[in-house]
């Protein structure tokens, strides 16, 4: 399972689940986007299990041509 914040404000998480991995109501393989809301089952699962979340990494700046 790979969890990564999708923005600098840390309001949403991209969760990439491999075959057989589960998160809340989802089973992999799949990619879902989880709002950082304690009422959300998938976010609650992340917190309850202490899954690590990778920090947001902004895309590289465009190189002027």
N, C-alpha and C. Protein backbone atom coordinates (compact mmCIF):
# COMPACT_ATOMS: atom_id res chain seq x y z
N UNK A 1 0.85 -1.17 0.00
CA UNK A 1 0.00 0.00 0.00
C UNK A 1 0.90 1.24 0.00
N UNK A 2 0.61 2.15 -0.89
CA UNK A 2 1.36 3.40 -0.99
C UNK A 2 0.39 4.55 -0.74
N UNK A 3 0.67 5.33 0.30
CA UNK A 3 -0.17 6.47 0.65
C UNK A 3 0.64 7.74 0.50
N UNK A 4 0.09 8.73 -0.22
CA UNK A 4 0.79 9.98 -0.47
C UNK A 4 -0.19 11.14 -0.42
N UNK A 5 0.18 12.20 0.32
CA UNK A 5 -0.64 13.40 0.29
C UNK A 5 -0.63 13.97 -1.13
N UNK A 6 -1.78 14.46 -1.60
CA UNK A 6 -1.87 14.97 -2.97
C UNK A 6 -1.72 16.48 -3.06
N UNK A 7 -1.65 17.16 -1.89
CA UNK A 7 -1.46 18.61 -1.92
C UNK A 7 -0.72 19.06 -0.67
N UNK A 8 -0.20 20.26 -0.72
CA UNK A 8 0.59 20.80 0.40
C UNK A 8 -0.27 21.02 1.64
N UNK A 9 -1.56 21.21 1.48
CA UNK A 9 -2.46 21.43 2.60
C UNK A 9 -2.82 20.12 3.32
N UNK A 10 -2.44 18.99 2.74
CA UNK A 10 -2.70 17.66 3.30
C UNK A 10 -4.18 17.43 3.57
N UNK A 11 -5.00 17.75 2.56
CA UNK A 11 -6.45 17.56 2.68
C UNK A 11 -6.94 16.29 1.99
N UNK A 12 -6.06 15.62 1.23
CA UNK A 12 -6.45 14.42 0.51
C UNK A 12 -5.22 13.52 0.35
N UNK A 13 -5.49 12.21 0.26
CA UNK A 13 -4.44 11.21 0.16
C UNK A 13 -4.71 10.32 -1.04
N UNK A 14 -3.69 10.07 -1.85
CA UNK A 14 -3.78 9.06 -2.90
C UNK A 14 -3.37 7.73 -2.27
N UNK A 15 -4.25 6.74 -2.37
CA UNK A 15 -3.97 5.41 -1.82
C UNK A 15 -3.91 4.42 -2.96
N UNK A 16 -2.74 3.85 -3.18
CA UNK A 16 -2.54 2.84 -4.22
C UNK A 16 -2.47 1.48 -3.52
N UNK A 17 -3.48 0.65 -3.77
CA UNK A 17 -3.57 -0.65 -3.12
C UNK A 17 -3.16 -1.74 -4.09
N UNK A 18 -2.30 -2.63 -3.64
CA UNK A 18 -1.91 -3.79 -4.43
C UNK A 18 -2.95 -4.89 -4.27
N UNK A 19 -2.83 -5.92 -5.08
CA UNK A 19 -3.74 -7.06 -5.05
C UNK A 19 -3.91 -7.57 -3.62
N UNK A 20 -5.16 -7.65 -3.17
CA UNK A 20 -5.47 -8.21 -1.86
C UNK A 20 -5.36 -7.25 -0.69
N UNK A 21 -4.77 -6.07 -0.87
CA UNK A 21 -4.69 -5.10 0.21
C UNK A 21 -6.05 -4.43 0.38
N UNK A 22 -6.41 -4.11 1.62
CA UNK A 22 -7.68 -3.46 1.88
C UNK A 22 -7.47 -2.16 2.63
N UNK A 23 -8.37 -1.23 2.38
CA UNK A 23 -8.40 0.04 3.09
C UNK A 23 -9.85 0.46 3.17
N UNK A 24 -10.40 0.48 4.39
CA UNK A 24 -11.81 0.81 4.55
C UNK A 24 -12.67 -0.16 3.77
N UNK A 25 -13.43 0.36 2.81
CA UNK A 25 -14.35 -0.46 2.02
C UNK A 25 -13.75 -0.94 0.70
N UNK A 26 -12.47 -0.67 0.44
CA UNK A 26 -11.85 -0.99 -0.85
C UNK A 26 -10.84 -2.11 -0.72
N UNK A 27 -10.74 -2.91 -1.79
CA UNK A 27 -9.75 -3.97 -1.89
C UNK A 27 -9.01 -3.81 -3.21
N UNK A 28 -7.68 -3.95 -3.17
CA UNK A 28 -6.85 -3.77 -4.35
C UNK A 28 -6.92 -4.95 -5.30
N UNK A 29 -6.45 -4.75 -6.50
CA UNK A 29 -5.68 -3.57 -6.91
C UNK A 29 -6.59 -2.41 -7.31
N UNK A 30 -6.28 -1.26 -6.79
CA UNK A 30 -7.01 -0.04 -7.13
C UNK A 30 -6.25 1.18 -6.62
N UNK A 31 -6.61 2.33 -7.14
CA UNK A 31 -6.12 3.61 -6.64
C UNK A 31 -7.33 4.43 -6.27
N UNK A 32 -7.33 4.96 -5.04
CA UNK A 32 -8.44 5.79 -4.59
C UNK A 32 -7.88 7.08 -4.00
N UNK A 33 -8.74 8.07 -3.90
CA UNK A 33 -8.38 9.35 -3.28
C UNK A 33 -9.23 9.51 -2.04
N UNK A 34 -8.55 9.69 -0.92
CA UNK A 34 -9.20 9.68 0.39
C UNK A 34 -9.16 11.08 0.99
N UNK A 35 -10.32 11.68 1.27
CA UNK A 35 -10.31 12.97 1.95
C UNK A 35 -9.86 12.79 3.41
N UNK A 36 -9.13 13.75 3.92
CA UNK A 36 -8.66 13.70 5.31
C UNK A 36 -9.78 14.17 6.24
N UNK A 37 -10.76 13.32 6.38
CA UNK A 37 -11.95 13.60 7.17
C UNK A 37 -12.17 12.41 8.09
N UNK A 38 -12.14 12.61 9.40
CA UNK A 38 -12.30 11.49 10.32
C UNK A 38 -13.59 10.68 10.12
N UNK A 39 -14.60 11.27 9.49
CA UNK A 39 -15.84 10.55 9.22
C UNK A 39 -15.71 9.61 8.02
N UNK A 40 -14.62 9.72 7.26
CA UNK A 40 -14.39 8.87 6.10
C UNK A 40 -13.81 7.54 6.55
N UNK A 41 -14.42 6.42 6.13
CA UNK A 41 -13.99 5.09 6.58
C UNK A 41 -12.55 4.79 6.22
N UNK A 42 -12.13 5.18 5.02
CA UNK A 42 -10.77 4.88 4.60
C UNK A 42 -9.76 5.70 5.40
N UNK A 43 -10.06 6.98 5.65
CA UNK A 43 -9.17 7.81 6.45
C UNK A 43 -9.10 7.29 7.89
N UNK A 44 -10.23 6.89 8.43
CA UNK A 44 -10.26 6.33 9.78
C UNK A 44 -9.39 5.07 9.86
N UNK A 45 -9.41 4.24 8.80
CA UNK A 45 -8.59 3.03 8.74
C UNK A 45 -7.10 3.40 8.73
N UNK A 46 -6.74 4.43 7.96
CA UNK A 46 -5.35 4.88 7.91
C UNK A 46 -4.89 5.29 9.31
N UNK A 47 -5.71 6.08 10.00
CA UNK A 47 -5.35 6.55 11.34
C UNK A 47 -5.29 5.40 12.34
N UNK A 48 -6.29 4.51 12.30
CA UNK A 48 -6.37 3.41 13.27
C UNK A 48 -5.17 2.47 13.17
N UNK A 49 -4.65 2.30 11.95
CA UNK A 49 -3.54 1.38 11.74
C UNK A 49 -2.18 2.07 11.71
N UNK A 50 -2.17 3.39 11.81
CA UNK A 50 -0.91 4.12 11.81
C UNK A 50 -0.12 3.99 10.52
N UNK A 51 -0.83 3.83 9.40
CA UNK A 51 -0.14 3.69 8.11
C UNK A 51 0.64 4.97 7.81
N UNK A 52 1.88 4.84 7.37
CA UNK A 52 2.65 6.04 7.03
C UNK A 52 2.14 6.68 5.74
N UNK A 53 2.15 8.00 5.71
CA UNK A 53 1.72 8.75 4.53
C UNK A 53 2.90 9.56 4.04
N UNK A 54 3.28 9.34 2.79
CA UNK A 54 4.39 10.09 2.21
C UNK A 54 3.99 11.54 2.02
N UNK A 55 4.96 12.45 2.17
CA UNK A 55 4.63 13.87 2.01
C UNK A 55 4.32 14.21 0.56
N UNK A 56 3.63 15.31 0.40
CA UNK A 56 3.34 15.86 -0.93
C UNK A 56 4.65 16.34 -1.56
N UNK A 57 4.82 16.02 -2.82
CA UNK A 57 5.97 16.50 -3.58
C UNK A 57 5.41 17.26 -4.78
N UNK A 58 5.64 18.57 -4.84
CA UNK A 58 5.09 19.34 -5.96
C UNK A 58 5.74 18.91 -7.27
N UNK A 59 5.00 19.04 -8.36
CA UNK A 59 5.58 18.70 -9.66
C UNK A 59 6.71 19.67 -9.98
N UNK A 60 7.66 19.23 -10.79
CA UNK A 60 8.76 20.13 -11.15
C UNK A 60 8.23 21.33 -11.95
N UNK A 61 8.89 22.45 -11.76
CA UNK A 61 8.50 23.65 -12.51
C UNK A 61 8.82 23.46 -13.98
N UNK A 62 7.95 24.03 -14.81
CA UNK A 62 8.16 23.94 -16.25
C UNK A 62 9.42 24.71 -16.62
N UNK A 63 10.16 24.15 -17.54
CA UNK A 63 11.37 24.79 -18.01
C UNK A 63 10.99 25.70 -19.19
N UNK A 64 11.30 26.99 -19.10
CA UNK A 64 10.97 27.89 -20.23
C UNK A 64 11.70 27.44 -21.51
N UNK A 65 11.03 27.59 -22.60
CA UNK A 65 11.66 27.22 -23.88
C UNK A 65 12.27 28.41 -24.55
